[in-house]
Amino acid sequence: MNESHFILVTAKVCYLCFRNNTLQKYNDVTFRLLLLKMNALNLKENLEKYASTEQCPVRNILSRFSGKWSILVLCILSENPATRFSEISKAIPDISSKVLSDTLKNLENNRLIARKLYAEIPPRVEYSLTPLGKSLMPILGNLIGWAIENFNKFPEKNPS
C-alpha cells in the first residue's frame, strides 16, 4: 500500500469514526490534515486503486461475508456457539442445502467460522465462530440494529 492510498483509507476511517463520535486518539487538527491530503490526491489515481477488489481493502473484506446468507449464518453462530448444519438449516428455512453448504465453506475459507468434525459414527460436524468471526459480530450488530431501526424507511423491494 503506497502512502497516498494509506492516507486516503486512514482519512476515510477517521471521518467515519469522527462522525460517530468514536474518534478518541485523533484530534480535529489531525483529521483535517488527513482530509486535506486526501482531497489533494489525484482523482484518477484513487479511482484506479478502488477499481479492483484486490487493491481495495473495503471491497476485499466485504466481499468475503456479504453474500445473501452469510450474515444470517454468522448471527446464528454467534448466538449458538457449536451449531450443526441441520440446526442452521432449520433456523433459515428458505436456504437450500447446497447454498448453505457453499456459504459455510466460504465463511470457513475466510477464517470467520470453524468446522469441527467428531470421529463418531455417524460423523458429527459442528460450526462455530473463530476469534476473527467473533470480532466481526459487534460491527454486524450495529448494522443489524440500524437495519431494524430503518427498515420501514426504505421502499418495498420489487419481487424479481
N, C-alpha and C. Protein backbone atom coordinates (compact mmCIF):
# COMPACT_ATOMS: atom_id res chain seq x y z
N MET A 1 0.87 -1.17 0.00
CA MET A 1 0.00 0.00 0.00
C MET A 1 0.91 1.23 0.00
N ASN A 2 0.74 2.09 -1.01
CA ASN A 2 1.58 3.28 -1.05
C ASN A 2 1.04 4.35 -0.10
N GLU A 3 1.81 5.42 0.07
CA GLU A 3 1.46 6.45 1.06
C GLU A 3 0.13 7.13 0.77
N SER A 4 -0.12 7.46 -0.49
CA SER A 4 -1.37 8.16 -0.80
C SER A 4 -2.58 7.27 -0.54
N HIS A 5 -2.45 5.98 -0.82
CA HIS A 5 -3.55 5.05 -0.55
C HIS A 5 -3.77 4.94 0.96
N PHE A 6 -2.70 4.83 1.72
CA PHE A 6 -2.81 4.76 3.18
C PHE A 6 -3.48 6.00 3.74
N ILE A 7 -3.09 7.16 3.26
CA ILE A 7 -3.67 8.42 3.74
C ILE A 7 -5.16 8.46 3.43
N LEU A 8 -5.53 8.04 2.22
CA LEU A 8 -6.93 8.05 1.82
C LEU A 8 -7.76 7.13 2.72
N VAL A 9 -7.30 5.91 2.91
CA VAL A 9 -8.02 4.96 3.74
C VAL A 9 -8.09 5.46 5.18
N THR A 10 -6.98 5.96 5.72
CA THR A 10 -6.95 6.47 7.08
C THR A 10 -7.91 7.64 7.25
N ALA A 11 -7.93 8.53 6.29
CA ALA A 11 -8.81 9.69 6.37
C ALA A 11 -10.27 9.27 6.36
N LYS A 12 -10.61 8.31 5.51
CA LYS A 12 -12.00 7.86 5.45
C LYS A 12 -12.40 7.17 6.75
N VAL A 13 -11.52 6.34 7.30
CA VAL A 13 -11.81 5.68 8.57
C VAL A 13 -11.95 6.73 9.67
N CYS A 14 -11.05 7.69 9.70
CA CYS A 14 -11.12 8.75 10.71
C CYS A 14 -12.41 9.54 10.57
N TYR A 15 -12.80 9.83 9.35
CA TYR A 15 -14.04 10.58 9.13
C TYR A 15 -15.23 9.82 9.68
N LEU A 16 -15.30 8.52 9.37
CA LEU A 16 -16.43 7.72 9.87
C LEU A 16 -16.43 7.66 11.39
N CYS A 17 -15.25 7.47 11.98
CA CYS A 17 -15.16 7.42 13.44
C CYS A 17 -15.51 8.78 14.04
N PHE A 18 -15.03 9.84 13.42
CA PHE A 18 -15.28 11.19 13.91
C PHE A 18 -16.77 11.50 13.86
N ARG A 19 -17.41 11.11 12.74
CA ARG A 19 -18.83 11.34 12.57
C ARG A 19 -19.65 10.60 13.61
N ASN A 20 -19.17 9.43 14.02
CA ASN A 20 -19.89 8.62 15.00
C ASN A 20 -19.44 8.90 16.43
N ASN A 21 -18.66 9.96 16.62
CA ASN A 21 -18.15 10.35 17.94
C ASN A 21 -17.35 9.24 18.62
N THR A 22 -16.67 8.41 17.83
CA THR A 22 -15.86 7.35 18.42
C THR A 22 -14.37 7.60 18.24
N LEU A 23 -14.03 8.72 17.66
CA LEU A 23 -12.62 9.02 17.43
C LEU A 23 -12.00 9.53 18.71
N GLN A 24 -11.16 8.72 19.32
CA GLN A 24 -10.57 9.09 20.59
C GLN A 24 -9.11 9.53 20.44
N LYS A 25 -8.35 8.81 19.61
CA LYS A 25 -6.92 9.08 19.59
C LYS A 25 -6.49 10.12 18.56
N TYR A 26 -7.40 10.55 17.71
CA TYR A 26 -7.08 11.58 16.74
C TYR A 26 -7.76 12.88 17.15
N ASN A 27 -7.06 13.96 16.99
CA ASN A 27 -7.71 15.23 17.30
C ASN A 27 -8.20 15.88 16.00
N ASP A 28 -8.91 16.95 16.12
CA ASP A 28 -9.52 17.62 14.98
C ASP A 28 -8.47 18.07 13.96
N VAL A 29 -7.32 18.53 14.42
CA VAL A 29 -6.27 19.01 13.52
C VAL A 29 -5.74 17.86 12.67
N THR A 30 -5.48 16.72 13.30
CA THR A 30 -5.01 15.55 12.57
C THR A 30 -6.01 15.15 11.50
N PHE A 31 -7.26 15.13 11.88
CA PHE A 31 -8.33 14.76 10.96
C PHE A 31 -8.38 15.71 9.78
N ARG A 32 -8.30 17.01 10.04
CA ARG A 32 -8.35 17.99 8.95
C ARG A 32 -7.14 17.86 8.03
N LEU A 33 -5.96 17.60 8.60
CA LEU A 33 -4.77 17.40 7.77
C LEU A 33 -4.93 16.18 6.87
N LEU A 34 -5.48 15.10 7.42
CA LEU A 34 -5.70 13.91 6.61
C LEU A 34 -6.70 14.19 5.49
N LEU A 35 -7.74 14.92 5.80
CA LEU A 35 -8.72 15.27 4.76
C LEU A 35 -8.10 16.13 3.67
N LEU A 36 -7.25 17.08 4.06
CA LEU A 36 -6.59 17.91 3.06
C LEU A 36 -5.71 17.07 2.15
N LYS A 37 -4.95 16.14 2.74
CA LYS A 37 -4.10 15.27 1.93
C LYS A 37 -4.96 14.39 1.03
N MET A 38 -6.07 13.89 1.57
CA MET A 38 -6.96 13.04 0.79
C MET A 38 -7.51 13.81 -0.41
N ASN A 39 -7.94 15.05 -0.19
CA ASN A 39 -8.51 15.85 -1.27
C ASN A 39 -7.46 16.24 -2.30
N ALA A 40 -6.19 16.26 -1.91
CA ALA A 40 -5.13 16.63 -2.84
C ALA A 40 -4.74 15.48 -3.76
N LEU A 41 -5.20 14.26 -3.45
CA LEU A 41 -4.85 13.12 -4.27
C LEU A 41 -5.55 13.19 -5.62
N ASN A 42 -4.89 12.70 -6.60
CA ASN A 42 -5.40 12.68 -7.96
C ASN A 42 -6.63 11.76 -8.03
N LEU A 43 -7.75 12.27 -8.57
CA LEU A 43 -8.99 11.51 -8.66
C LEU A 43 -8.80 10.25 -9.49
N LYS A 44 -8.11 10.36 -10.59
CA LYS A 44 -7.89 9.20 -11.45
C LYS A 44 -7.13 8.12 -10.70
N GLU A 45 -6.11 8.53 -9.92
CA GLU A 45 -5.33 7.57 -9.15
C GLU A 45 -6.21 6.85 -8.13
N ASN A 46 -7.09 7.60 -7.47
CA ASN A 46 -7.98 6.99 -6.49
C ASN A 46 -8.95 6.01 -7.15
N LEU A 47 -9.51 6.39 -8.29
CA LEU A 47 -10.44 5.51 -8.98
C LEU A 47 -9.76 4.21 -9.40
N GLU A 48 -8.52 4.31 -9.86
CA GLU A 48 -7.78 3.12 -10.26
C GLU A 48 -7.53 2.21 -9.07
N LYS A 49 -7.24 2.79 -7.91
CA LYS A 49 -6.98 2.00 -6.71
C LYS A 49 -8.19 1.19 -6.29
N TYR A 50 -9.36 1.80 -6.38
CA TYR A 50 -10.56 1.14 -5.90
C TYR A 50 -11.30 0.38 -6.99
N ALA A 51 -10.73 0.31 -8.18
CA ALA A 51 -11.39 -0.37 -9.29
C ALA A 51 -11.34 -1.88 -9.14
N SER A 52 -10.35 -2.41 -8.44
CA SER A 52 -10.26 -3.86 -8.30
C SER A 52 -10.40 -4.25 -6.83
N THR A 53 -11.04 -5.38 -6.63
CA THR A 53 -11.28 -5.87 -5.27
C THR A 53 -9.97 -6.12 -4.54
N GLU A 54 -8.97 -6.61 -5.24
CA GLU A 54 -7.70 -6.96 -4.60
C GLU A 54 -7.00 -5.74 -3.98
N GLN A 55 -7.17 -4.57 -4.58
CA GLN A 55 -6.47 -3.38 -4.10
C GLN A 55 -7.29 -2.55 -3.12
N CYS A 56 -8.57 -2.81 -3.02
CA CYS A 56 -9.41 -2.02 -2.14
C CYS A 56 -9.71 -2.83 -0.87
N PRO A 57 -9.20 -2.40 0.27
CA PRO A 57 -9.42 -3.18 1.48
C PRO A 57 -10.90 -3.31 1.85
N VAL A 58 -11.69 -2.30 1.61
CA VAL A 58 -13.11 -2.36 1.96
C VAL A 58 -13.83 -3.39 1.09
N ARG A 59 -13.68 -3.28 -0.22
CA ARG A 59 -14.33 -4.23 -1.13
C ARG A 59 -13.81 -5.64 -0.91
N ASN A 60 -12.51 -5.76 -0.67
CA ASN A 60 -11.90 -7.07 -0.48
C ASN A 60 -12.50 -7.76 0.74
N ILE A 61 -12.59 -7.07 1.84
CA ILE A 61 -13.10 -7.67 3.07
C ILE A 61 -14.60 -7.90 2.99
N LEU A 62 -15.37 -6.90 2.54
CA LEU A 62 -16.83 -7.05 2.49
C LEU A 62 -17.26 -8.19 1.57
N SER A 63 -16.53 -8.40 0.50
CA SER A 63 -16.90 -9.46 -0.43
C SER A 63 -16.78 -10.85 0.20
N ARG A 64 -16.07 -10.96 1.28
CA ARG A 64 -15.86 -12.26 1.92
C ARG A 64 -17.05 -12.71 2.77
N PHE A 65 -17.90 -11.80 3.19
CA PHE A 65 -19.04 -12.20 4.02
C PHE A 65 -20.32 -11.44 3.68
N SER A 66 -20.38 -10.84 2.51
CA SER A 66 -21.56 -10.03 2.18
C SER A 66 -22.56 -10.77 1.31
N GLY A 67 -22.44 -12.08 1.21
CA GLY A 67 -23.41 -12.84 0.44
C GLY A 67 -24.79 -12.78 1.08
N LYS A 68 -25.78 -13.21 0.35
CA LYS A 68 -27.17 -13.12 0.80
C LYS A 68 -27.39 -13.80 2.14
N TRP A 69 -26.70 -14.90 2.42
CA TRP A 69 -26.96 -15.69 3.61
C TRP A 69 -25.86 -15.60 4.66
N SER A 70 -24.71 -15.12 4.31
CA SER A 70 -23.55 -15.16 5.20
C SER A 70 -23.78 -14.47 6.54
N ILE A 71 -24.36 -13.28 6.51
CA ILE A 71 -24.56 -12.54 7.75
C ILE A 71 -25.56 -13.27 8.65
N LEU A 72 -26.60 -13.86 8.05
CA LEU A 72 -27.54 -14.63 8.86
C LEU A 72 -26.86 -15.83 9.51
N VAL A 73 -26.02 -16.52 8.76
CA VAL A 73 -25.30 -17.67 9.31
C VAL A 73 -24.39 -17.22 10.45
N LEU A 74 -23.68 -16.12 10.25
CA LEU A 74 -22.81 -15.60 11.30
C LEU A 74 -23.61 -15.25 12.56
N CYS A 75 -24.77 -14.65 12.38
CA CYS A 75 -25.62 -14.30 13.53
C CYS A 75 -26.09 -15.55 14.28
N ILE A 76 -26.47 -16.57 13.54
CA ILE A 76 -26.90 -17.82 14.19
C ILE A 76 -25.76 -18.42 14.99
N LEU A 77 -24.56 -18.42 14.41
CA LEU A 77 -23.41 -18.99 15.11
C LEU A 77 -22.97 -18.14 16.30
N SER A 78 -23.26 -16.86 16.25
CA SER A 78 -22.90 -16.01 17.40
C SER A 78 -23.82 -16.28 18.58
N GLU A 79 -25.04 -16.70 18.31
CA GLU A 79 -26.00 -16.99 19.38
C GLU A 79 -25.94 -18.44 19.84
N ASN A 80 -25.41 -19.31 19.01
CA ASN A 80 -25.33 -20.75 19.30
C ASN A 80 -23.91 -21.22 19.01
N PRO A 81 -23.03 -21.22 20.00
CA PRO A 81 -21.61 -21.42 19.77
C PRO A 81 -21.21 -22.66 18.96
N ALA A 82 -21.81 -23.82 19.20
CA ALA A 82 -21.48 -25.02 18.44
C ALA A 82 -22.76 -25.50 17.78
N THR A 83 -22.88 -25.27 16.49
CA THR A 83 -24.15 -25.50 15.80
C THR A 83 -23.95 -26.46 14.64
N ARG A 84 -24.86 -27.40 14.54
CA ARG A 84 -24.82 -28.37 13.45
C ARG A 84 -25.51 -27.82 12.21
N PHE A 85 -25.16 -28.41 11.08
CA PHE A 85 -25.70 -28.00 9.79
C PHE A 85 -27.23 -27.99 9.82
N SER A 86 -27.82 -29.05 10.34
CA SER A 86 -29.29 -29.17 10.34
C SER A 86 -29.93 -28.07 11.19
N GLU A 87 -29.27 -27.66 12.27
CA GLU A 87 -29.82 -26.59 13.11
C GLU A 87 -29.78 -25.25 12.38
N ILE A 88 -28.70 -25.01 11.65
CA ILE A 88 -28.60 -23.78 10.86
C ILE A 88 -29.68 -23.79 9.78
N SER A 89 -29.85 -24.94 9.15
CA SER A 89 -30.84 -25.08 8.09
C SER A 89 -32.26 -24.83 8.62
N LYS A 90 -32.55 -25.31 9.82
CA LYS A 90 -33.87 -25.08 10.42
C LYS A 90 -34.06 -23.60 10.78
N ALA A 91 -32.98 -22.95 11.19
CA ALA A 91 -33.06 -21.53 11.56
C ALA A 91 -33.28 -20.64 10.34
N ILE A 92 -32.82 -21.09 9.17
CA ILE A 92 -33.01 -20.35 7.91
C ILE A 92 -33.73 -21.29 6.95
N PRO A 93 -35.05 -21.42 7.10
CA PRO A 93 -35.77 -22.44 6.32
C PRO A 93 -35.79 -22.22 4.81
N ASP A 94 -35.57 -21.00 4.34
CA ASP A 94 -35.65 -20.75 2.89
C ASP A 94 -34.31 -20.84 2.18
N ILE A 95 -33.28 -21.41 2.84
CA ILE A 95 -31.99 -21.61 2.20
C ILE A 95 -31.87 -23.09 1.79
N SER A 96 -31.39 -23.33 0.59
CA SER A 96 -31.22 -24.72 0.14
C SER A 96 -29.98 -25.31 0.81
N SER A 97 -29.91 -26.62 0.86
CA SER A 97 -28.76 -27.30 1.47
C SER A 97 -27.47 -26.97 0.73
N LYS A 98 -27.54 -26.91 -0.60
CA LYS A 98 -26.34 -26.60 -1.38
C LYS A 98 -25.84 -25.18 -1.09
N VAL A 99 -26.74 -24.23 -1.06
CA VAL A 99 -26.35 -22.84 -0.81
C VAL A 99 -25.81 -22.70 0.61
N LEU A 100 -26.44 -23.36 1.57
CA LEU A 100 -25.93 -23.32 2.94
C LEU A 100 -24.55 -23.94 3.02
N SER A 101 -24.37 -25.06 2.37
CA SER A 101 -23.05 -25.72 2.34
C SER A 101 -22.00 -24.80 1.72
N ASP A 102 -22.33 -24.17 0.60
CA ASP A 102 -21.39 -23.24 -0.05
C ASP A 102 -21.09 -22.03 0.83
N THR A 103 -22.11 -21.52 1.52
CA THR A 103 -21.93 -20.37 2.41
C THR A 103 -21.01 -20.74 3.56
N LEU A 104 -21.23 -21.91 4.15
CA LEU A 104 -20.38 -22.36 5.26
C LEU A 104 -18.93 -22.55 4.80
N LYS A 105 -18.74 -23.13 3.62
CA LYS A 105 -17.38 -23.32 3.08
C LYS A 105 -16.70 -21.97 2.86
N ASN A 106 -17.44 -21.01 2.31
CA ASN A 106 -16.88 -19.68 2.07
C ASN A 106 -16.47 -19.03 3.39
N LEU A 107 -17.33 -19.07 4.39
CA LEU A 107 -17.01 -18.46 5.68
C LEU A 107 -15.84 -19.18 6.35
N GLU A 108 -15.78 -20.50 6.18
CA GLU A 108 -14.65 -21.25 6.74
C GLU A 108 -13.35 -20.91 6.01
N ASN A 109 -13.39 -20.83 4.68
CA ASN A 109 -12.20 -20.48 3.91
C ASN A 109 -11.68 -19.09 4.26
N ASN A 110 -12.59 -18.21 4.66
CA ASN A 110 -12.19 -16.85 5.04
C ASN A 110 -11.94 -16.71 6.54
N ARG A 111 -11.86 -17.83 7.21
CA ARG A 111 -11.48 -17.92 8.63
C ARG A 111 -12.45 -17.19 9.57
N LEU A 112 -13.71 -17.06 9.16
CA LEU A 112 -14.70 -16.44 10.03
C LEU A 112 -15.42 -17.49 10.89
N ILE A 113 -15.48 -18.72 10.38
CA ILE A 113 -16.06 -19.82 11.17
C ILE A 113 -15.11 -21.01 11.15
N ALA A 114 -15.29 -21.88 12.13
CA ALA A 114 -14.51 -23.11 12.22
C ALA A 114 -15.45 -24.30 12.09
N ARG A 115 -14.97 -25.34 11.47
CA ARG A 115 -15.73 -26.57 11.29
C ARG A 115 -15.02 -27.65 12.10
N LYS A 116 -15.76 -28.28 12.99
CA LYS A 116 -15.17 -29.33 13.82
C LYS A 116 -15.87 -30.65 13.52
N LEU A 117 -15.08 -31.62 13.08
CA LEU A 117 -15.58 -32.94 12.74
C LEU A 117 -15.26 -33.88 13.90
N TYR A 118 -16.30 -34.54 14.42
CA TYR A 118 -16.12 -35.50 15.51
C TYR A 118 -16.02 -36.90 14.91
N ALA A 119 -15.07 -37.68 15.41
CA ALA A 119 -14.86 -39.05 14.92
C ALA A 119 -15.88 -39.98 15.56
N GLU A 120 -17.10 -39.88 15.08
CA GLU A 120 -18.20 -40.70 15.58
C GLU A 120 -18.88 -41.35 14.38
N ILE A 121 -19.69 -42.34 14.67
CA ILE A 121 -20.49 -42.95 13.61
C ILE A 121 -21.95 -42.77 14.01
N PRO A 122 -22.76 -42.06 13.24
CA PRO A 122 -22.37 -41.29 12.06
C PRO A 122 -21.57 -40.05 12.45
N PRO A 123 -20.76 -39.54 11.51
CA PRO A 123 -19.93 -38.37 11.81
C PRO A 123 -20.79 -37.17 12.22
N ARG A 124 -20.29 -36.42 13.17
CA ARG A 124 -20.98 -35.21 13.63
C ARG A 124 -20.08 -34.02 13.31
N VAL A 125 -20.68 -32.98 12.72
CA VAL A 125 -19.94 -31.77 12.37
C VAL A 125 -20.61 -30.59 13.05
N GLU A 126 -19.81 -29.74 13.69
CA GLU A 126 -20.33 -28.53 14.32
C GLU A 126 -19.56 -27.33 13.79
N TYR A 127 -20.28 -26.22 13.68
CA TYR A 127 -19.70 -24.97 13.22
C TYR A 127 -19.74 -23.96 14.35
N SER A 128 -18.70 -23.13 14.41
CA SER A 128 -18.65 -22.07 15.42
C SER A 128 -17.85 -20.90 14.87
N LEU A 129 -17.99 -19.76 15.51
CA LEU A 129 -17.23 -18.57 15.10
C LEU A 129 -15.78 -18.71 15.54
N THR A 130 -14.89 -18.24 14.71
CA THR A 130 -13.48 -18.14 15.09
C THR A 130 -13.30 -16.81 15.85
N PRO A 131 -12.14 -16.58 16.45
CA PRO A 131 -11.92 -15.27 17.06
C PRO A 131 -12.10 -14.12 16.06
N LEU A 132 -11.69 -14.32 14.81
CA LEU A 132 -11.89 -13.30 13.79
C LEU A 132 -13.38 -13.06 13.54
N GLY A 133 -14.15 -14.14 13.47
CA GLY A 133 -15.59 -14.02 13.29
C GLY A 133 -16.25 -13.34 14.48
N LYS A 134 -15.79 -13.67 15.68
CA LYS A 134 -16.33 -13.04 16.89
C LYS A 134 -16.04 -11.54 16.89
N SER A 135 -14.87 -11.15 16.39
CA SER A 135 -14.52 -9.73 16.36
C SER A 135 -15.38 -8.95 15.37
N LEU A 136 -15.96 -9.65 14.40
CA LEU A 136 -16.83 -9.01 13.42
C LEU A 136 -18.24 -8.77 13.96
N MET A 137 -18.66 -9.56 14.92
CA MET A 137 -20.06 -9.54 15.36
C MET A 137 -20.52 -8.21 15.97
N PRO A 138 -19.71 -7.49 16.76
CA PRO A 138 -20.19 -6.18 17.24
C PRO A 138 -20.49 -5.21 16.09
N ILE A 139 -19.69 -5.28 15.04
CA ILE A 139 -19.89 -4.41 13.89
C ILE A 139 -21.17 -4.81 13.16
N LEU A 140 -21.36 -6.12 12.97
CA LEU A 140 -22.60 -6.58 12.33
C LEU A 140 -23.79 -6.28 13.23
N GLY A 141 -23.60 -6.34 14.53
CA GLY A 141 -24.68 -6.00 15.46
C GLY A 141 -25.15 -4.57 15.26
N ASN A 142 -24.20 -3.65 15.06
CA ASN A 142 -24.56 -2.26 14.78
C ASN A 142 -25.32 -2.15 13.46
N LEU A 143 -24.87 -2.87 12.45
CA LEU A 143 -25.54 -2.85 11.15
C LEU A 143 -26.96 -3.42 11.27
N ILE A 144 -27.10 -4.51 12.00
CA ILE A 144 -28.41 -5.12 12.18
C ILE A 144 -29.34 -4.18 12.95
N GLY A 145 -28.81 -3.54 13.99
CA GLY A 145 -29.61 -2.56 14.74
C GLY A 145 -30.07 -1.42 13.85
N TRP A 146 -29.17 -0.94 13.00
CA TRP A 146 -29.53 0.14 12.07
C TRP A 146 -30.60 -0.35 11.10
N ALA A 147 -30.45 -1.58 10.61
CA ALA A 147 -31.43 -2.14 9.66
C ALA A 147 -32.81 -2.24 10.30
N ILE A 148 -32.86 -2.70 11.53
CA ILE A 148 -34.14 -2.84 12.22
C ILE A 148 -34.77 -1.46 12.44
N GLU A 149 -33.95 -0.50 12.84
CA GLU A 149 -34.44 0.85 13.10
C GLU A 149 -34.95 1.54 11.83
N ASN A 150 -34.32 1.26 10.70
CA ASN A 150 -34.63 1.99 9.47
C ASN A 150 -35.37 1.17 8.41
N PHE A 151 -35.73 -0.03 8.73
CA PHE A 151 -36.37 -0.93 7.76
C PHE A 151 -37.57 -0.30 7.08
N ASN A 152 -38.41 0.36 7.83
CA ASN A 152 -39.64 0.94 7.27
C ASN A 152 -39.41 2.21 6.47
N LYS A 153 -38.20 2.73 6.46
CA LYS A 153 -37.90 3.94 5.71
C LYS A 153 -37.55 3.66 4.24
N PHE A 154 -37.34 2.38 3.91
CA PHE A 154 -36.99 2.00 2.56
C PHE A 154 -38.25 1.62 1.79
N PRO A 155 -38.24 1.87 0.46
CA PRO A 155 -39.40 1.43 -0.32
C PRO A 155 -39.45 -0.11 -0.37
N GLU A 156 -40.64 -0.63 -0.61
CA GLU A 156 -40.77 -2.08 -0.71
C GLU A 156 -39.93 -2.59 -1.85
N LYS A 157 -39.32 -3.74 -1.63
CA LYS A 157 -38.49 -4.35 -2.66
C LYS A 157 -39.39 -5.03 -3.68
N ASN A 158 -39.13 -4.75 -4.96
CA ASN A 158 -39.91 -5.39 -6.02
C ASN A 158 -39.48 -6.83 -6.16
N PRO A 159 -40.45 -7.78 -6.20
CA PRO A 159 -40.05 -9.17 -6.39
C PRO A 159 -39.50 -9.37 -7.80
N SER A 160 -38.36 -10.06 -7.90
CA SER A 160 -37.77 -10.28 -9.22
C SER A 160 -37.70 -11.74 -9.54
